[in-house]
C-alpha atoms as a PDB file:
ATOM      1  CA  UNK A   1    -175.455  30.006  13.887  1.00  0.00           C
ATOM      2  CA  UNK A   2    -173.090  27.850  15.789  1.00  0.00           C
ATOM      3  CA  UNK A   3    -176.145  25.423  16.744  1.00  0.00           C
ATOM      4  CA  UNK A   4    -177.826  24.937  13.831  1.00  0.00           C
ATOM      5  CA  UNK A   5    -176.585  24.797   9.662  1.00  0.00           C
ATOM      6  CA  UNK A   6    -179.276  27.017   8.265  1.00  0.00           C
ATOM      7  CA  UNK A   7    -180.144  30.409   9.692  1.00  0.00           C
ATOM      8  CA  UNK A   8    -182.779  32.146   7.421  1.00  0.00           C
ATOM      9  CA  UNK A   9    -183.516  35.938   8.428  1.00  0.00           C
ATOM     10  CA  UNK A  10    -187.275  35.119   8.917  1.00  0.00           C
ATOM     11  CA  UNK A  11    -185.632  33.103  11.668  1.00  0.00           C
ATOM     12  CA  UNK A  12    -183.049  35.955  13.208  1.00  0.00           C
ATOM     13  CA  UNK A  13    -186.286  38.754  12.617  1.00  0.00           C
ATOM     14  CA  UNK A  14    -188.479  36.541  14.328  1.00  0.00           C
ATOM     15  CA  UNK A  15    -185.739  36.034  17.322  1.00  0.00           C
ATOM     16  CA  UNK A  16    -184.900  39.554  17.604  1.00  0.00           C
ATOM     17  CA  UNK A  17    -189.040  39.416  18.318  1.00  0.00           C
ATOM     18  CA  UNK A  18    -189.271  37.248  20.875  1.00  0.00           C
ATOM     19  CA  UNK A  19    -186.242  37.520  22.731  1.00  0.00           C
ATOM     20  CA  UNK A  20    -186.166  40.927  22.599  1.00  0.00           C
ATOM     21  CA  UNK A  21    -188.399  42.663  21.399  1.00  0.00           C
ATOM     22  CA  UNK A  22    -187.536  44.375  18.746  1.00  0.00           C
ATOM     23  CA  UNK A  23    -188.418  44.789  14.988  1.00  0.00           C
ATOM     24  CA  UNK A  24    -186.171  44.322  12.794  1.00  0.00           C
ATOM     25  CA  UNK A  25    -186.367  44.853   8.687  1.00  0.00           C
ATOM     26  CA  UNK A  26    -185.031  41.936   6.804  1.00  0.00           C
ATOM     27  CA  UNK A  27    -181.982  43.465   5.419  1.00  0.00           C
ATOM     28  CA  UNK A  28    -180.631  44.639   8.795  1.00  0.00           C
ATOM     29  CA  UNK A  29    -180.986  41.013   9.628  1.00  0.00           C
ATOM     30  CA  UNK A  30    -179.011  39.819   6.108  1.00  0.00           C
ATOM     31  CA  UNK A  31    -176.358  42.241   7.546  1.00  0.00           C
ATOM     32  CA  UNK A  32    -176.405  40.689  10.890  1.00  0.00           C
ATOM     33  CA  UNK A  33    -175.807  37.337   9.637  1.00  0.00           C
ATOM     34  CA  UNK A  34    -173.029  38.146   7.377  1.00  0.00           C
ATOM     35  CA  UNK A  35    -171.364  39.840  10.169  1.00  0.00           C
ATOM     36  CA  UNK A  36    -172.523  36.449  12.529  1.00  0.00           C
ATOM     37  CA  UNK A  37    -171.166  34.381  10.179  1.00  0.00           C
ATOM     38  CA  UNK A  38    -167.778  36.613   9.503  1.00  0.00           C
ATOM     39  CA  UNK A  39    -167.002  36.132  13.095  1.00  0.00           C
ATOM     40  CA  UNK A  40    -167.647  32.169  13.176  1.00  0.00           C
ATOM     41  CA  UNK A  41    -165.573  31.237  10.062  1.00  0.00           C
ATOM     42  CA  UNK A  42    -163.069  34.012   9.976  1.00  0.00           C
ATOM     43  CA  UNK A  43    -162.306  35.892   6.861  1.00  0.00           C
ATOM     44  CA  UNK A  44    -160.257  33.481   4.473  1.00  0.00           C
ATOM     45  CA  UNK A  45    -158.735  36.282   2.169  1.00  0.00           C
ATOM     46  CA  UNK A  46    -157.246  37.377   5.452  1.00  0.00           C
ATOM     47  CA  UNK A  47    -156.170  33.995   6.739  1.00  0.00           C
ATOM     48  CA  UNK A  48    -154.577  33.457   2.989  1.00  0.00           C
ATOM     49  CA  UNK A  49    -153.005  36.223   3.580  1.00  0.00           C
ATOM     50  CA  UNK A  50    -150.991  35.359   6.538  1.00  0.00           C
ATOM     51  CA  UNK A  51    -150.260  31.971   5.679  1.00  0.00           C
ATOM     52  CA  UNK A  52    -146.236  32.910   5.124  1.00  0.00           C
ATOM     53  CA  UNK A  53    -146.217  34.629   8.428  1.00  0.00           C
ATOM     54  CA  UNK A  54    -147.743  31.026   9.614  1.00  0.00           C
ATOM     55  CA  UNK A  55    -144.951  28.902   7.897  1.00  0.00           C
ATOM     56  CA  UNK A  56    -142.276  30.829   9.021  1.00  0.00           C
ATOM     57  CA  UNK A  57    -143.429  30.974  12.592  1.00  0.00           C
ATOM     58  CA  UNK A  58    -143.456  27.308  11.985  1.00  0.00           C
ATOM     59  CA  UNK A  59    -139.795  27.137  10.978  1.00  0.00           C
ATOM     60  CA  UNK A  60    -138.613  29.360  13.766  1.00  0.00           C
ATOM     61  CA  UNK A  61    -140.129  27.765  16.535  1.00  0.00           C
ATOM     62  CA  UNK A  62    -138.265  23.774  14.785  1.00  0.00           C
ATOM     63  CA  UNK A  63    -136.524  24.141  11.761  1.00  0.00           C
ATOM     64  CA  UNK A  64    -137.050  20.379  11.816  1.00  0.00           C
ATOM     65  CA  UNK A  65    -140.654  20.846  10.890  1.00  0.00           C
ATOM     66  CA  UNK A  66    -141.682  20.463   7.005  1.00  0.00           C
ATOM     67  CA  UNK A  67    -143.677  23.235   5.525  1.00  0.00           C
ATOM     68  CA  UNK A  68    -144.181  24.089   2.207  1.00  0.00           C
ATOM     69  CA  UNK A  69    -146.175  27.101   0.791  1.00  0.00           C
ATOM     70  CA  UNK A  70    -146.649  26.839  -3.552  1.00  0.00           C
ATOM     71  CA  UNK A  71    -147.993  30.080  -4.401  1.00  0.00           C
ATOM     72  CA  UNK A  72    -149.048  31.056  -8.176  1.00  0.00           C
ATOM     73  CA  UNK A  73    -148.341  34.755 -10.011  1.00  0.00           C
ATOM     74  CA  UNK A  74    -148.807  34.118 -13.189  1.00  0.00           C
ATOM     75  CA  UNK A  75    -148.567  38.254 -13.422  1.00  0.00           C
ATOM     76  CA  UNK A  76    -146.354  39.715 -11.402  1.00  0.00           C
ATOM     77  CA  UNK A  77    -149.389  43.298 -10.798  1.00  0.00           C
ATOM     78  CA  UNK A  78    -151.670  40.750  -9.559  1.00  0.00           C
ATOM     79  CA  UNK A  79    -151.590  39.472  -5.942  1.00  0.00           C
ATOM     80  CA  UNK A  80    -150.089  36.146  -5.363  1.00  0.00           C
ATOM     81  CA  UNK A  81    -152.732  32.888  -5.902  1.00  0.00           C
ATOM     82  CA  UNK A  82    -152.798  29.933  -3.306  1.00  0.00           C
ATOM     83  CA  UNK A  83    -151.666  26.756  -4.649  1.00  0.00           C
ATOM     84  CA  UNK A  84    -150.778  24.474  -2.465  1.00  0.00           C
ATOM     85  CA  UNK A  85    -149.843  23.430   1.614  1.00  0.00           C
ATOM     86  CA  UNK A  86    -147.618  20.811   3.062  1.00  0.00           C
ATOM     87  CA  UNK A  87    -146.934  20.862   6.719  1.00  0.00           C
ATOM     88  CA  UNK A  88    -145.636  18.607   9.188  1.00  0.00           C
ATOM     89  CA  UNK A  89    -144.216  18.789  12.812  1.00  0.00           C
ATOM     90  CA  UNK A  90    -140.936  17.459  13.451  1.00  0.00           C
ATOM     91  CA  UNK A  91    -142.268  16.074  17.163  1.00  0.00           C
ATOM     92  CA  UNK A  92    -145.017  13.910  14.581  1.00  0.00           C
ATOM     93  CA  UNK A  93    -142.322  12.966  12.489  1.00  0.00           C
ATOM     94  CA  UNK A  94    -140.087  11.272  15.216  1.00  0.00           C
ATOM     95  CA  UNK A  95    -142.796  10.264  17.032  1.00  0.00           C
ATOM     96  CA  UNK A  96    -143.907   8.079  13.832  1.00  0.00           C
ATOM     97  CA  UNK A  97    -140.483   7.037  13.332  1.00  0.00           C
ATOM     98  CA  UNK A  98    -139.392   6.459  16.452  1.00  0.00           C
ATOM     99  CA  UNK A  99    -142.753   4.962  17.845  1.00  0.00           C
ATOM    100  CA  UNK A 100    -145.807   3.755  15.696  1.00  0.00           C
ATOM    101  CA  UNK A 101    -146.470   0.998  13.886  1.00  0.00           C
ATOM    102  CA  UNK A 102    -145.542   1.422  10.133  1.00  0.00           C
ATOM    103  CA  UNK A 103    -148.727   1.675   8.999  1.00  0.00           C
ATOM    104  CA  UNK A 104    -149.724   4.839   7.357  1.00  0.00           C
ATOM    105  CA  UNK A 105    -153.085   5.858   6.374  1.00  0.00           C
ATOM    106  CA  UNK A 106    -153.815   8.281   3.960  1.00  0.00           C
ATOM    107  CA  UNK A 107    -157.179  10.471   3.381  1.00  0.00           C
ATOM    108  CA  UNK A 108    -158.459  13.205   1.817  1.00  0.00           C
ATOM    109  CA  UNK A 109    -162.397  15.871   2.506  1.00  0.00           C
ATOM    110  CA  UNK A 110    -163.375  18.818   1.198  1.00  0.00           C
ATOM    111  CA  UNK A 111    -163.046  22.421   3.248  1.00  0.00           C
ATOM    112  CA  UNK A 112    -166.792  23.846   2.975  1.00  0.00           C
ATOM    113  CA  UNK A 113    -165.140  27.490   2.682  1.00  0.00           C
ATOM    114  CA  UNK A 114    -165.884  29.641  -0.181  1.00  0.00           C
ATOM    115  CA  UNK A 115    -162.468  29.288  -1.738  1.00  0.00           C
ATOM    116  CA  UNK A 116    -163.082  25.110  -1.664  1.00  0.00           C
ATOM    117  CA  UNK A 117    -160.252  23.095  -1.671  1.00  0.00           C
ATOM    118  CA  UNK A 118    -159.026  19.701  -0.030  1.00  0.00           C
ATOM    119  CA  UNK A 119    -157.289  18.864   2.755  1.00  0.00           C
ATOM    120  CA  UNK A 120    -155.145  15.584   2.391  1.00  0.00           C
ATOM    121  CA  UNK A 121    -153.690  13.965   5.303  1.00  0.00           C
ATOM    122  CA  UNK A 122    -151.598  10.697   6.012  1.00  0.00           C
ATOM    123  CA  UNK A 123    -151.465   9.815  10.152  1.00  0.00           C
ATOM    124  CA  UNK A 124    -150.220   6.840  11.233  1.00  0.00           C
ATOM    125  CA  UNK A 125    -151.424   4.009  14.358  1.00  0.00           C
ATOM    126  CA  UNK A 126    -149.408   4.495  17.973  1.00  0.00           C
ATOM    127  CA  UNK A 127    -149.046   1.530  20.174  1.00  0.00           C
ATOM    128  CA  UNK A 128    -152.296   1.975  21.928  1.00  0.00           C
ATOM    129  CA  UNK A 129    -154.348   1.569  18.021  1.00  0.00           C
ATOM    130  CA  UNK A 130    -154.550   5.201  18.170  1.00  0.00           C
ATOM    131  CA  UNK A 131    -154.085   7.708  15.501  1.00  0.00           C
ATOM    132  CA  UNK A 132    -151.133   9.889  15.060  1.00  0.00           C
ATOM    133  CA  UNK A 133    -151.039  12.510  13.336  1.00  0.00           C
ATOM    134  CA  UNK A 134    -148.160  12.296  10.641  1.00  0.00           C
ATOM    135  CA  UNK A 135    -149.054  14.775   7.831  1.00  0.00           C
ATOM    136  CA  UNK A 136    -151.006  17.633   6.432  1.00  0.00           C
ATOM    137  CA  UNK A 137    -151.833  19.257   3.427  1.00  0.00           C
ATOM    138  CA  UNK A 138    -154.268  21.821   1.452  1.00  0.00           C
ATOM    139  CA  UNK A 139    -154.727  21.844  -2.058  1.00  0.00           C
ATOM    140  CA  UNK A 140    -157.072  23.159  -4.720  1.00  0.00           C
ATOM    141  CA  UNK A 141    -157.930  20.570  -6.466  1.00  0.00           C
ATOM    142  CA  UNK A 142    -158.012  16.102  -5.682  1.00  0.00           C
ATOM    143  CA  UNK A 143    -155.867  15.159  -8.517  1.00  0.00           C
ATOM    144  CA  UNK A 144    -153.155  12.512  -9.642  1.00  0.00           C
ATOM    145  CA  UNK A 145    -150.391  15.233  -9.455  1.00  0.00           C
ATOM    146  CA  UNK A 146    -151.276  16.900  -5.789  1.00  0.00           C
ATOM    147  CA  UNK A 147    -151.236  13.017  -4.296  1.00  0.00           C
ATOM    148  CA  UNK A 148    -148.423  12.941  -5.853  1.00  0.00           C
ATOM    149  CA  UNK A 149    -146.707  16.303  -4.383  1.00  0.00           C
ATOM    150  CA  UNK A 150    -148.058  14.919  -0.447  1.00  0.00           C
ATOM    151  CA  UNK A 151    -147.022  11.614  -1.047  1.00  0.00           C
ATOM    152  CA  UNK A 152    -143.517  12.606  -2.361  1.00  0.00           C
ATOM    153  CA  UNK A 153    -143.108  15.282   0.310  1.00  0.00           C
ATOM    154  CA  UNK A 154    -143.875  12.353   3.161  1.00  0.00           C
ATOM    155  CA  UNK A 155    -141.656   9.923   1.936  1.00  0.00           C
ATOM    156  CA  UNK A 156    -138.881  12.360   2.768  1.00  0.00           C
ATOM    157  CA  UNK A 157    -140.416  13.156   5.632  1.00  0.00           C
ATOM    158  CA  UNK A 158    -140.815   9.956   7.215  1.00  0.00           C
ATOM    159  CA  UNK A 159    -137.382   7.929   5.443  1.00  0.00           C
ATOM    160  CA  UNK A 160    -137.153   5.560   2.369  1.00  0.00           C
ATOM    161  CA  UNK A 161    -135.324   3.028   4.194  1.00  0.00           C
ATOM    162  CA  UNK A 162    -137.906   1.318   5.857  1.00  0.00           C
ATOM    163  CA  UNK A 163    -140.843  -0.503   4.367  1.00  0.00           C
ATOM    164  CA  UNK A 164    -144.443   0.801   5.058  1.00  0.00           C
ATOM    165  CA  UNK A 165    -147.952  -0.327   4.815  1.00  0.00           C
ATOM    166  CA  UNK A 166    -150.055   2.316   3.168  1.00  0.00           C
ATOM    167  CA  UNK A 167    -153.728   2.470   3.152  1.00  0.00           C
ATOM    168  CA  UNK A 168    -156.371   4.427   1.350  1.00  0.00           C
ATOM    169  CA  UNK A 169    -159.571   4.427  -0.214  1.00  0.00           C
ATOM    170  CA  UNK A 170    -158.665   5.622  -3.512  1.00  0.00           C
ATOM    171  CA  UNK A 171    -157.429   3.872  -6.574  1.00  0.00           C
ATOM    172  CA  UNK A 172    -155.110   6.447  -7.896  1.00  0.00           C
ATOM    173  CA  UNK A 173    -153.037   6.811  -4.317  1.00  0.00           C
ATOM    174  CA  UNK A 174    -151.889   3.112  -5.358  1.00  0.00           C
ATOM    175  CA  UNK A 175    -151.370   4.277  -9.186  1.00  0.00           C
ATOM    176  CA  UNK A 176    -148.562   7.284  -7.372  1.00  0.00           C
ATOM    177  CA  UNK A 177    -147.216   4.958  -5.169  1.00  0.00           C
ATOM    178  CA  UNK A 178    -146.499   2.646  -8.251  1.00  0.00           C
ATOM    179  CA  UNK A 179    -145.216   5.703  -9.990  1.00  0.00           C
ATOM    180  CA  UNK A 180    -142.574   7.368  -6.558  1.00  0.00           C
ATOM    181  CA  UNK A 181    -141.742   3.493  -6.259  1.00  0.00           C
ATOM    182  CA  UNK A 182    -140.622   3.354  -9.838  1.00  0.00           C
ATOM    183  CA  UNK A 183    -138.606   6.731  -9.977  1.00  0.00           C
ATOM    184  CA  UNK A 184    -137.044   5.666  -6.573  1.00  0.00           C
ATOM    185  CA  UNK A 185    -135.591   2.510  -8.461  1.00  0.00           C
ATOM    186  CA  UNK A 186    -134.313   4.968 -11.137  1.00  0.00           C
ATOM    187  CA  UNK A 187    -132.228   7.139  -9.187  1.00  0.00           C
END
């Protein structure tokens, strides 16, 4: 399953017959496939429950790391529901501010898990013209509001006293920056 994107139940049955001289049923092959997928991908439910402890450990290791977790809890009886997550390591922030060009690229991509979501990322360019990681965010959906939240936290991290060049493949990021800069001038 690690080498092939799609493994059919019949492929598992055939592999067991040829390589191990075992005849297994389709239900056993299906259960084995589920177990293998859980081992390879990890249990997403379990990972989301550990997110608070992960954030606490990042803060404990370095107080200047920026970690923001938004959790929705509409009803106290129900368990909390993940909303969004932002983090930027202090070393990455300082490395960008003191050693990189004032260039920031932002983009997002789909997370292909059973929960879905979007990974938002900001990268800089170092003096060797290599990518330099700056900040990461995980949000439920890629909307103007989620980008606004991400970019506002990014600007707080890298400072607003310098001029930066931002590049993105989306018009909505440009609209959000227009809004953010308008709000800065009002303050």
